[in-house]
Amino acid sequence: MLGCDQRVEGSSGSGEYLAMQGFSLVEPQDGRLRGFVRWMFTSQDPSVVADPDVTCEIWEELDLVAVEVSDACVGCEYQFEGRARVEDEASTTCDDVDWEQRAFTLAWGPLPADDPDVAALADDGYTHGVQTRWSPELGESEGFQMLFAAKPKEWEPDEPGGEGSGSDEVLAGQHELFCLYYWEL
């Protein structure tokens, strides 16, 4: 996990760091991506502590549809756009979430060969780089930035698709999204 010197606005009493992860289910026959983004506020540095204590978390449910890949997304092969909706209080434990939903984009391509740290994730089973138009420090933008690396992994056995596809296959199934960064608040 790479650090980020950029400080971002945190939730009051939520901890000193923000880490994120995601889970996706791509259904190519429907042209749809569903899943979740998990925001984890911690009081421990995620680059030092492998499984830091979470002081509170925000869960957003993703419901995205396939769109034509934007020219602004360098190296992207698939792009999905739609809404990220904050989950109910049973999942979201941070007290001061001030939004209900927002526009969200995920674009998939190969792990970038020009970034040795990210390319090395292939040794751990990661198959795709996942870019977004949003990040905690920049907010929404027209450009894309690499935020996640995706690993084929079945995270919900009751959902269709099973373990996701690899990099040489049509994008399908379930993947876990590892956030490449954490943010000091």
N, C-alpha and C. Protein backbone atom coordinates (compact mmCIF):
# COMPACT_ATOMS: atom_id res chain seq x y z
N MET A 1 0.86 -1.17 0.00
CA MET A 1 0.00 0.00 0.00
C MET A 1 0.90 1.23 0.00
N LEU A 2 0.61 2.14 -0.87
CA LEU A 2 1.41 3.34 -1.00
C LEU A 2 0.83 4.44 -0.13
N GLY A 3 1.66 5.25 0.43
CA GLY A 3 1.18 6.36 1.25
C GLY A 3 0.82 7.56 0.39
N CYS A 4 0.15 8.49 0.97
CA CYS A 4 -0.22 9.71 0.27
C CYS A 4 0.01 10.87 1.21
N ASP A 5 0.88 11.81 0.83
CA ASP A 5 1.17 12.96 1.68
C ASP A 5 0.02 13.95 1.72
N GLN A 6 -0.86 13.89 0.73
CA GLN A 6 -2.00 14.80 0.68
C GLN A 6 -2.94 14.50 1.84
N ARG A 7 -3.25 15.51 2.63
CA ARG A 7 -4.18 15.33 3.73
C ARG A 7 -5.60 15.56 3.23
N VAL A 8 -6.52 14.76 3.70
CA VAL A 8 -7.91 14.89 3.28
C VAL A 8 -8.78 15.10 4.50
N GLU A 9 -9.96 15.66 4.26
CA GLU A 9 -10.92 15.92 5.32
C GLU A 9 -11.42 14.60 5.88
N GLY A 10 -11.36 14.41 7.18
CA GLY A 10 -11.83 13.18 7.79
C GLY A 10 -13.07 13.39 8.61
N SER A 11 -13.68 12.31 9.02
CA SER A 11 -14.83 12.40 9.91
C SER A 11 -14.36 12.72 11.31
N SER A 12 -15.09 13.52 12.05
CA SER A 12 -14.68 13.88 13.39
C SER A 12 -14.63 12.64 14.26
N GLY A 13 -13.50 12.44 14.92
CA GLY A 13 -13.33 11.29 15.79
C GLY A 13 -13.22 9.98 15.04
N SER A 14 -12.94 10.02 13.74
CA SER A 14 -12.97 8.80 12.95
C SER A 14 -11.62 8.10 12.87
N GLY A 15 -10.56 8.70 13.35
CA GLY A 15 -9.25 8.09 13.24
C GLY A 15 -8.31 9.00 12.49
N GLU A 16 -7.11 8.52 12.29
CA GLU A 16 -6.09 9.34 11.67
C GLU A 16 -5.80 8.97 10.23
N TYR A 17 -6.34 7.86 9.75
CA TYR A 17 -6.06 7.39 8.39
C TYR A 17 -7.34 6.92 7.72
N LEU A 18 -7.34 6.99 6.40
CA LEU A 18 -8.42 6.44 5.60
C LEU A 18 -7.83 5.38 4.69
N ALA A 19 -8.38 4.19 4.73
CA ALA A 19 -8.03 3.12 3.80
C ALA A 19 -9.32 2.70 3.12
N MET A 20 -9.21 2.13 1.94
CA MET A 20 -10.40 1.73 1.19
C MET A 20 -10.20 0.34 0.61
N GLN A 21 -11.29 -0.32 0.30
CA GLN A 21 -11.27 -1.54 -0.47
C GLN A 21 -12.58 -1.62 -1.24
N GLY A 22 -12.63 -2.51 -2.18
CA GLY A 22 -13.84 -2.65 -2.97
C GLY A 22 -14.09 -4.10 -3.32
N PHE A 23 -15.32 -4.36 -3.74
CA PHE A 23 -15.74 -5.68 -4.16
C PHE A 23 -16.62 -5.49 -5.39
N SER A 24 -16.37 -6.25 -6.45
CA SER A 24 -17.16 -6.06 -7.66
C SER A 24 -17.64 -7.39 -8.21
N LEU A 25 -18.78 -7.33 -8.86
CA LEU A 25 -19.36 -8.46 -9.58
C LEU A 25 -19.73 -7.94 -10.96
N VAL A 26 -19.03 -8.41 -11.98
CA VAL A 26 -19.30 -8.00 -13.35
C VAL A 26 -20.12 -9.09 -14.03
N GLU A 27 -21.26 -8.67 -14.57
CA GLU A 27 -22.13 -9.56 -15.32
C GLU A 27 -22.11 -9.10 -16.79
N PRO A 28 -21.20 -9.67 -17.60
CA PRO A 28 -21.04 -9.16 -18.97
C PRO A 28 -22.29 -9.29 -19.83
N GLN A 29 -23.10 -10.34 -19.61
CA GLN A 29 -24.30 -10.51 -20.42
C GLN A 29 -25.30 -9.38 -20.17
N ASP A 30 -25.28 -8.79 -18.97
CA ASP A 30 -26.16 -7.67 -18.64
C ASP A 30 -25.48 -6.31 -18.80
N GLY A 31 -24.16 -6.32 -19.03
CA GLY A 31 -23.42 -5.07 -19.12
C GLY A 31 -23.46 -4.30 -17.82
N ARG A 32 -23.32 -5.01 -16.72
CA ARG A 32 -23.52 -4.41 -15.40
C ARG A 32 -22.41 -4.78 -14.43
N LEU A 33 -22.09 -3.85 -13.55
CA LEU A 33 -21.16 -4.08 -12.44
C LEU A 33 -21.88 -3.69 -11.16
N ARG A 34 -21.95 -4.62 -10.23
CA ARG A 34 -22.50 -4.35 -8.91
C ARG A 34 -21.40 -4.63 -7.89
N GLY A 35 -21.54 -4.08 -6.71
CA GLY A 35 -20.56 -4.34 -5.68
C GLY A 35 -20.59 -3.29 -4.60
N PHE A 36 -19.44 -3.11 -3.95
CA PHE A 36 -19.34 -2.22 -2.80
C PHE A 36 -17.98 -1.54 -2.75
N VAL A 37 -17.97 -0.33 -2.19
CA VAL A 37 -16.73 0.34 -1.80
C VAL A 37 -16.80 0.51 -0.29
N ARG A 38 -15.76 0.12 0.39
CA ARG A 38 -15.70 0.23 1.85
C ARG A 38 -14.64 1.26 2.22
N TRP A 39 -15.07 2.32 2.93
CA TRP A 39 -14.17 3.33 3.48
C TRP A 39 -13.87 2.90 4.91
N MET A 40 -12.61 2.81 5.29
CA MET A 40 -12.23 2.40 6.64
C MET A 40 -11.38 3.50 7.29
N PHE A 41 -11.92 4.11 8.34
CA PHE A 41 -11.17 5.09 9.10
C PHE A 41 -10.48 4.36 10.25
N THR A 42 -9.17 4.55 10.37
CA THR A 42 -8.39 3.82 11.37
C THR A 42 -7.53 4.79 12.17
N SER A 43 -7.13 4.36 13.34
CA SER A 43 -6.20 5.15 14.15
C SER A 43 -4.78 4.63 13.99
N GLN A 44 -4.60 3.55 13.22
CA GLN A 44 -3.28 2.95 13.00
C GLN A 44 -2.89 3.11 11.54
N ASP A 45 -1.62 3.31 11.30
CA ASP A 45 -1.08 3.48 9.95
C ASP A 45 -1.24 2.17 9.17
N PRO A 46 -2.03 2.14 8.09
CA PRO A 46 -2.25 0.90 7.34
C PRO A 46 -1.00 0.38 6.63
N SER A 47 0.04 1.20 6.49
CA SER A 47 1.27 0.71 5.87
C SER A 47 2.15 -0.02 6.89
N VAL A 48 1.84 0.15 8.17
CA VAL A 48 2.63 -0.48 9.24
C VAL A 48 1.87 -1.65 9.86
N VAL A 49 0.56 -1.48 10.04
CA VAL A 49 -0.28 -2.50 10.66
C VAL A 49 -1.07 -3.19 9.57
N ALA A 50 -0.89 -4.50 9.41
CA ALA A 50 -1.53 -5.24 8.32
C ALA A 50 -3.05 -5.20 8.39
N ASP A 51 -3.62 -5.26 9.56
CA ASP A 51 -5.07 -5.26 9.72
C ASP A 51 -5.42 -4.24 10.80
N PRO A 52 -5.37 -2.93 10.45
CA PRO A 52 -5.59 -1.90 11.48
C PRO A 52 -7.00 -1.92 12.04
N ASP A 53 -7.12 -1.49 13.30
CA ASP A 53 -8.43 -1.39 13.93
C ASP A 53 -9.24 -0.30 13.22
N VAL A 54 -10.46 -0.62 12.87
CA VAL A 54 -11.35 0.31 12.18
C VAL A 54 -12.17 1.04 13.23
N THR A 55 -12.05 2.38 13.25
CA THR A 55 -12.83 3.16 14.21
C THR A 55 -14.25 3.40 13.72
N CYS A 56 -14.42 3.54 12.40
CA CYS A 56 -15.75 3.58 11.79
C CYS A 56 -15.57 3.33 10.30
N GLU A 57 -16.67 2.98 9.65
CA GLU A 57 -16.59 2.68 8.23
C GLU A 57 -17.85 3.16 7.51
N ILE A 58 -17.68 3.37 6.21
CA ILE A 58 -18.77 3.75 5.33
C ILE A 58 -18.80 2.72 4.21
N TRP A 59 -19.96 2.16 3.96
CA TRP A 59 -20.14 1.23 2.86
C TRP A 59 -21.02 1.89 1.80
N GLU A 60 -20.54 1.84 0.56
CA GLU A 60 -21.33 2.33 -0.57
C GLU A 60 -21.63 1.15 -1.50
N GLU A 61 -22.89 1.02 -1.88
CA GLU A 61 -23.29 -0.01 -2.83
C GLU A 61 -23.15 0.54 -4.24
N LEU A 62 -22.49 -0.22 -5.12
CA LEU A 62 -22.29 0.19 -6.50
C LEU A 62 -23.32 -0.46 -7.41
N ASP A 63 -23.86 0.32 -8.32
CA ASP A 63 -24.73 -0.19 -9.37
C ASP A 63 -24.34 0.59 -10.63
N LEU A 64 -23.52 -0.05 -11.48
CA LEU A 64 -22.93 0.62 -12.64
C LEU A 64 -23.26 -0.16 -13.91
N VAL A 65 -23.31 0.54 -15.03
CA VAL A 65 -23.55 -0.10 -16.32
C VAL A 65 -22.37 0.18 -17.26
N ALA A 66 -22.17 -0.74 -18.19
CA ALA A 66 -21.08 -0.61 -19.15
C ALA A 66 -21.35 0.55 -20.09
N VAL A 67 -20.32 1.35 -20.33
CA VAL A 67 -20.38 2.46 -21.28
C VAL A 67 -19.15 2.37 -22.18
N GLU A 68 -19.16 3.15 -23.24
CA GLU A 68 -17.99 3.21 -24.12
C GLU A 68 -16.81 3.77 -23.34
N VAL A 69 -15.64 3.20 -23.53
CA VAL A 69 -14.44 3.63 -22.82
C VAL A 69 -14.05 5.04 -23.28
N SER A 70 -13.86 5.93 -22.31
CA SER A 70 -13.50 7.31 -22.58
C SER A 70 -12.07 7.40 -23.12
N ASP A 71 -11.83 8.34 -24.04
CA ASP A 71 -10.48 8.59 -24.53
C ASP A 71 -9.55 9.04 -23.41
N ALA A 72 -10.11 9.62 -22.36
CA ALA A 72 -9.31 10.11 -21.23
C ALA A 72 -8.78 8.98 -20.36
N CYS A 73 -9.26 7.77 -20.57
CA CYS A 73 -8.85 6.64 -19.74
C CYS A 73 -7.78 5.83 -20.48
N VAL A 74 -6.54 6.15 -20.21
CA VAL A 74 -5.40 5.52 -20.89
C VAL A 74 -5.27 4.07 -20.43
N GLY A 75 -5.23 3.15 -21.39
CA GLY A 75 -5.05 1.74 -21.10
C GLY A 75 -6.31 1.01 -20.64
N CYS A 76 -7.44 1.66 -20.66
CA CYS A 76 -8.69 1.04 -20.18
C CYS A 76 -9.32 0.18 -21.27
N GLU A 77 -9.88 -0.94 -20.85
CA GLU A 77 -10.56 -1.85 -21.77
C GLU A 77 -12.06 -1.91 -21.49
N TYR A 78 -12.46 -1.61 -20.26
CA TYR A 78 -13.87 -1.65 -19.85
C TYR A 78 -14.14 -0.43 -18.98
N GLN A 79 -15.33 0.12 -19.12
CA GLN A 79 -15.71 1.26 -18.28
C GLN A 79 -17.16 1.10 -17.85
N PHE A 80 -17.41 1.38 -16.57
CA PHE A 80 -18.74 1.28 -15.99
C PHE A 80 -19.06 2.58 -15.27
N GLU A 81 -20.29 3.08 -15.44
CA GLU A 81 -20.71 4.31 -14.77
C GLU A 81 -22.08 4.10 -14.14
N GLY A 82 -22.31 4.84 -13.07
CA GLY A 82 -23.60 4.75 -12.40
C GLY A 82 -23.55 5.45 -11.07
N ARG A 83 -24.13 4.80 -10.04
CA ARG A 83 -24.28 5.41 -8.72
C ARG A 83 -23.61 4.57 -7.65
N ALA A 84 -23.05 5.28 -6.68
CA ALA A 84 -22.58 4.69 -5.42
C ALA A 84 -23.52 5.23 -4.35
N ARG A 85 -24.23 4.34 -3.67
CA ARG A 85 -25.23 4.72 -2.68
C ARG A 85 -24.78 4.26 -1.30
N VAL A 86 -24.81 5.16 -0.33
CA VAL A 86 -24.40 4.83 1.03
C VAL A 86 -25.37 3.79 1.60
N GLU A 87 -24.79 2.73 2.15
CA GLU A 87 -25.58 1.67 2.77
C GLU A 87 -26.20 2.13 4.08
N ASP A 88 -27.16 1.40 4.57
CA ASP A 88 -27.88 1.77 5.79
C ASP A 88 -26.98 1.75 7.02
N GLU A 89 -27.55 2.15 8.14
CA GLU A 89 -26.80 2.29 9.38
C GLU A 89 -26.21 0.98 9.89
N ALA A 90 -26.77 -0.16 9.52
CA ALA A 90 -26.22 -1.43 9.97
C ALA A 90 -24.82 -1.66 9.41
N SER A 91 -24.55 -1.13 8.21
CA SER A 91 -23.24 -1.30 7.59
C SER A 91 -22.34 -0.09 7.79
N THR A 92 -22.91 1.10 7.70
CA THR A 92 -22.15 2.34 7.85
C THR A 92 -22.18 2.77 9.31
N THR A 93 -20.99 2.84 9.92
CA THR A 93 -20.92 3.16 11.35
C THR A 93 -20.39 4.56 11.63
N CYS A 94 -19.95 5.30 10.61
CA CYS A 94 -19.52 6.68 10.81
C CYS A 94 -20.77 7.55 11.00
N ASP A 95 -20.71 8.46 11.95
CA ASP A 95 -21.87 9.26 12.31
C ASP A 95 -22.17 10.42 11.36
N ASP A 96 -21.14 10.97 10.73
CA ASP A 96 -21.35 12.22 10.01
C ASP A 96 -21.24 12.09 8.48
N VAL A 97 -21.84 11.04 7.92
CA VAL A 97 -21.87 10.88 6.48
C VAL A 97 -22.88 11.89 5.93
N ASP A 98 -22.40 12.79 5.06
CA ASP A 98 -23.26 13.88 4.61
C ASP A 98 -23.73 13.74 3.16
N TRP A 99 -23.73 12.53 2.62
CA TRP A 99 -24.27 12.28 1.30
C TRP A 99 -25.02 10.94 1.31
N GLU A 100 -25.92 10.78 0.37
CA GLU A 100 -26.66 9.52 0.24
C GLU A 100 -26.20 8.72 -0.97
N GLN A 101 -25.91 9.44 -2.06
CA GLN A 101 -25.42 8.77 -3.26
C GLN A 101 -24.62 9.76 -4.09
N ARG A 102 -23.86 9.21 -5.04
CA ARG A 102 -23.04 10.06 -5.91
C ARG A 102 -22.76 9.30 -7.20
N ALA A 103 -22.39 10.06 -8.22
CA ALA A 103 -21.98 9.44 -9.48
C ALA A 103 -20.65 8.74 -9.26
N PHE A 104 -20.46 7.60 -9.93
CA PHE A 104 -19.22 6.85 -9.73
C PHE A 104 -18.86 6.12 -11.02
N THR A 105 -17.57 6.04 -11.30
CA THR A 105 -17.04 5.39 -12.50
C THR A 105 -15.91 4.45 -12.11
N LEU A 106 -15.92 3.25 -12.68
CA LEU A 106 -14.78 2.33 -12.58
C LEU A 106 -14.39 1.91 -13.98
N ALA A 107 -13.10 1.98 -14.29
CA ALA A 107 -12.60 1.59 -15.61
C ALA A 107 -11.47 0.58 -15.41
N TRP A 108 -11.52 -0.51 -16.14
CA TRP A 108 -10.61 -1.63 -15.97
C TRP A 108 -9.65 -1.76 -17.15
N GLY A 109 -8.43 -2.15 -16.85
CA GLY A 109 -7.43 -2.44 -17.86
C GLY A 109 -6.35 -3.29 -17.24
N PRO A 110 -5.28 -3.55 -17.97
CA PRO A 110 -4.18 -4.34 -17.40
C PRO A 110 -3.47 -3.57 -16.30
N LEU A 111 -2.77 -4.29 -15.43
CA LEU A 111 -1.92 -3.62 -14.45
C LEU A 111 -0.89 -2.79 -15.21
N PRO A 112 -0.65 -1.55 -14.81
CA PRO A 112 0.26 -0.69 -15.57
C PRO A 112 1.72 -1.16 -15.44
N ALA A 113 2.32 -1.44 -16.59
CA ALA A 113 3.71 -1.92 -16.61
C ALA A 113 4.69 -0.81 -16.24
N ASP A 114 4.29 0.47 -16.41
CA ASP A 114 5.20 1.58 -16.15
C ASP A 114 5.30 1.94 -14.67
N ASP A 115 4.55 1.26 -13.81
CA ASP A 115 4.62 1.47 -12.37
C ASP A 115 5.05 0.15 -11.73
N PRO A 116 6.33 0.00 -11.41
CA PRO A 116 6.84 -1.29 -10.92
C PRO A 116 6.14 -1.79 -9.66
N ASP A 117 5.76 -0.88 -8.74
CA ASP A 117 5.09 -1.31 -7.51
C ASP A 117 3.73 -1.94 -7.81
N VAL A 118 2.99 -1.34 -8.72
CA VAL A 118 1.68 -1.87 -9.08
C VAL A 118 1.83 -3.12 -9.94
N ALA A 119 2.75 -3.10 -10.90
CA ALA A 119 2.97 -4.27 -11.76
C ALA A 119 3.36 -5.49 -10.94
N ALA A 120 4.08 -5.29 -9.84
CA ALA A 120 4.53 -6.40 -8.99
C ALA A 120 3.36 -7.09 -8.30
N LEU A 121 2.19 -6.45 -8.23
CA LEU A 121 1.03 -7.08 -7.62
C LEU A 121 0.56 -8.31 -8.40
N ALA A 122 1.00 -8.45 -9.65
CA ALA A 122 0.66 -9.64 -10.44
C ALA A 122 1.18 -10.90 -9.75
N ASP A 123 2.30 -10.79 -9.05
CA ASP A 123 2.86 -11.93 -8.33
C ASP A 123 1.94 -12.41 -7.21
N ASP A 124 1.05 -11.54 -6.74
CA ASP A 124 0.10 -11.89 -5.68
C ASP A 124 -1.29 -12.21 -6.24
N GLY A 125 -1.40 -12.40 -7.55
CA GLY A 125 -2.66 -12.80 -8.16
C GLY A 125 -3.53 -11.67 -8.66
N TYR A 126 -3.05 -10.42 -8.60
CA TYR A 126 -3.84 -9.29 -9.12
C TYR A 126 -3.74 -9.29 -10.64
N THR A 127 -4.85 -9.03 -11.29
CA THR A 127 -4.91 -9.16 -12.75
C THR A 127 -5.25 -7.88 -13.50
N HIS A 128 -5.87 -6.91 -12.82
CA HIS A 128 -6.33 -5.70 -13.49
C HIS A 128 -5.99 -4.46 -12.67
N GLY A 129 -5.74 -3.36 -13.37
CA GLY A 129 -5.71 -2.06 -12.75
C GLY A 129 -7.10 -1.44 -12.91
N VAL A 130 -7.59 -0.77 -11.87
CA VAL A 130 -8.92 -0.18 -11.92
C VAL A 130 -8.80 1.31 -11.65
N GLN A 131 -9.23 2.10 -12.61
CA GLN A 131 -9.14 3.56 -12.52
C GLN A 131 -10.51 4.15 -12.19
N THR A 132 -10.48 5.33 -11.59
CA THR A 132 -11.71 6.04 -11.28
C THR A 132 -11.57 7.50 -11.72
N ARG A 133 -12.69 8.19 -11.75
CA ARG A 133 -12.70 9.64 -11.97
C ARG A 133 -12.73 10.36 -10.62
N TRP A 134 -12.64 9.60 -9.51
CA TRP A 134 -12.78 10.16 -8.18
C TRP A 134 -11.69 9.59 -7.26
N SER A 135 -11.26 10.41 -6.34
CA SER A 135 -10.42 9.93 -5.23
C SER A 135 -10.67 10.83 -4.04
N PRO A 136 -10.35 10.37 -2.83
CA PRO A 136 -10.61 11.18 -1.64
C PRO A 136 -9.93 12.55 -1.65
N GLU A 137 -8.71 12.63 -2.19
CA GLU A 137 -8.02 13.92 -2.13
C GLU A 137 -8.36 14.85 -3.29
N LEU A 138 -8.80 14.30 -4.43
CA LEU A 138 -9.08 15.14 -5.59
C LEU A 138 -10.57 15.34 -5.84
N GLY A 139 -11.41 14.49 -5.26
CA GLY A 139 -12.83 14.55 -5.57
C GLY A 139 -13.08 14.05 -6.98
N GLU A 140 -14.15 14.52 -7.61
CA GLU A 140 -14.53 14.11 -8.96
C GLU A 140 -13.72 14.89 -9.99
N SER A 141 -13.29 14.21 -11.06
CA SER A 141 -12.53 14.89 -12.11
C SER A 141 -12.92 14.31 -13.47
N GLU A 142 -12.52 14.98 -14.53
CA GLU A 142 -12.75 14.47 -15.88
C GLU A 142 -11.73 13.41 -16.25
N GLY A 143 -10.54 13.51 -15.66
CA GLY A 143 -9.49 12.54 -15.92
C GLY A 143 -9.66 11.29 -15.08
N PHE A 144 -8.83 10.30 -15.33
CA PHE A 144 -8.86 9.04 -14.60
C PHE A 144 -7.57 8.86 -13.82
N GLN A 145 -7.66 8.15 -12.71
CA GLN A 145 -6.48 7.83 -11.92
C GLN A 145 -6.58 6.40 -11.43
N MET A 146 -5.42 5.73 -11.39
CA MET A 146 -5.36 4.35 -10.92
C MET A 146 -5.57 4.37 -9.42
N LEU A 147 -6.65 3.73 -8.95
CA LEU A 147 -6.95 3.71 -7.52
C LEU A 147 -6.90 2.31 -6.93
N PHE A 148 -7.30 1.30 -7.72
CA PHE A 148 -7.39 -0.08 -7.23
C PHE A 148 -6.62 -1.04 -8.12
N ALA A 149 -6.25 -2.18 -7.55
CA ALA A 149 -5.82 -3.35 -8.30
C ALA A 149 -6.84 -4.44 -7.99
N ALA A 150 -7.25 -5.19 -9.01
CA ALA A 150 -8.30 -6.19 -8.86
C ALA A 150 -7.72 -7.60 -8.88
N LYS A 151 -8.26 -8.43 -7.98
CA LYS A 151 -7.85 -9.83 -7.88
C LYS A 151 -9.11 -10.70 -8.02
N PRO A 152 -9.08 -11.69 -8.90
CA PRO A 152 -10.23 -12.59 -8.98
C PRO A 152 -10.42 -13.28 -7.63
N LYS A 153 -11.58 -13.09 -7.04
CA LYS A 153 -11.87 -13.69 -5.73
C LYS A 153 -13.37 -13.71 -5.52
N GLU A 154 -13.89 -14.86 -5.12
CA GLU A 154 -15.31 -14.97 -4.81
C GLU A 154 -15.54 -14.42 -3.41
N TRP A 155 -16.19 -13.26 -3.31
CA TRP A 155 -16.43 -12.63 -2.02
C TRP A 155 -17.86 -12.83 -1.54
N GLU A 156 -18.76 -13.29 -2.41
CA GLU A 156 -20.14 -13.56 -2.02
C GLU A 156 -20.62 -14.81 -2.75
N PRO A 157 -20.55 -15.98 -2.07
CA PRO A 157 -20.92 -17.24 -2.73
C PRO A 157 -22.36 -17.30 -3.21
N ASP A 158 -23.25 -16.50 -2.62
CA ASP A 158 -24.67 -16.52 -3.03
C ASP A 158 -24.93 -15.72 -4.30
N GLU A 159 -23.93 -14.97 -4.76
CA GLU A 159 -24.08 -14.18 -5.98
C GLU A 159 -23.60 -14.99 -7.18
N PRO A 160 -24.11 -14.69 -8.38
CA PRO A 160 -23.66 -15.42 -9.57
C PRO A 160 -22.24 -14.99 -9.97
N GLY A 161 -21.66 -15.73 -10.85
CA GLY A 161 -20.39 -15.33 -11.43
C GLY A 161 -19.18 -16.03 -10.86
N GLY A 162 -19.20 -16.36 -9.57
CA GLY A 162 -18.05 -17.02 -8.97
C GLY A 162 -16.79 -16.17 -9.06
N GLU A 163 -15.65 -16.83 -8.88
CA GLU A 163 -14.37 -16.12 -8.96
C GLU A 163 -14.22 -15.45 -10.31
N GLY A 164 -13.72 -14.24 -10.30
CA GLY A 164 -13.64 -13.43 -11.51
C GLY A 164 -12.64 -13.92 -12.54
N SER A 165 -12.71 -13.31 -13.69
CA SER A 165 -11.85 -13.66 -14.81
C SER A 165 -10.45 -13.08 -14.63
N GLY A 166 -9.53 -13.67 -15.36
CA GLY A 166 -8.16 -13.17 -15.37
C GLY A 166 -7.98 -12.11 -16.43
N SER A 167 -6.76 -11.65 -16.59
CA SER A 167 -6.48 -10.53 -17.49
C SER A 167 -6.63 -10.86 -18.97
N ASP A 168 -6.55 -12.14 -19.33
CA ASP A 168 -6.65 -12.52 -20.75
C ASP A 168 -8.04 -13.00 -21.14
N GLU A 169 -9.02 -12.77 -20.28
CA GLU A 169 -10.38 -13.22 -20.52
C GLU A 169 -11.32 -12.02 -20.54
N VAL A 170 -12.54 -12.23 -21.03
CA VAL A 170 -13.56 -11.19 -20.96
C VAL A 170 -13.84 -10.92 -19.48
N LEU A 171 -13.90 -9.65 -19.10
CA LEU A 171 -14.11 -9.28 -17.70
C LEU A 171 -15.46 -9.81 -17.22
N ALA A 172 -15.43 -10.64 -16.17
CA ALA A 172 -16.64 -11.25 -15.63
C ALA A 172 -16.37 -11.73 -14.22
N GLY A 173 -17.44 -11.91 -13.45
CA GLY A 173 -17.35 -12.52 -12.14
C GLY A 173 -16.95 -11.56 -11.03
N GLN A 174 -16.57 -12.17 -9.90
CA GLN A 174 -16.29 -11.41 -8.68
C GLN A 174 -14.79 -11.14 -8.53
N HIS A 175 -14.50 -9.91 -8.13
CA HIS A 175 -13.12 -9.48 -7.87
C HIS A 175 -13.08 -8.70 -6.56
N GLU A 176 -11.98 -8.83 -5.85
CA GLU A 176 -11.72 -7.95 -4.70
C GLU A 176 -10.83 -6.82 -5.20
N LEU A 177 -11.14 -5.59 -4.78
CA LEU A 177 -10.38 -4.42 -5.23
C LEU A 177 -9.52 -3.92 -4.08
N PHE A 178 -8.22 -3.99 -4.27
CA PHE A 178 -7.25 -3.52 -3.29
C PHE A 178 -6.90 -2.08 -3.61
N CYS A 179 -7.10 -1.18 -2.66
CA CYS A 179 -6.77 0.22 -2.90
C CYS A 179 -5.26 0.40 -2.83
N LEU A 180 -4.71 1.07 -3.80
CA LEU A 180 -3.26 1.25 -3.89
C LEU A 180 -2.73 2.30 -2.90
N TYR A 181 -3.61 3.04 -2.26
CA TYR A 181 -3.19 4.13 -1.41
C TYR A 181 -3.93 4.11 -0.07
N TYR A 182 -3.41 4.84 0.87
CA TYR A 182 -4.14 5.20 2.08
C TYR A 182 -3.91 6.69 2.26
N TRP A 183 -4.71 7.33 3.06
CA TRP A 183 -4.62 8.77 3.23
C TRP A 183 -4.49 9.10 4.69
N GLU A 184 -3.52 9.96 5.02
CA GLU A 184 -3.39 10.46 6.37
C GLU A 184 -4.34 11.63 6.52
N LEU A 185 -5.14 11.59 7.56
CA LEU A 185 -6.16 12.64 7.75
C LEU A 185 -5.64 13.78 8.61
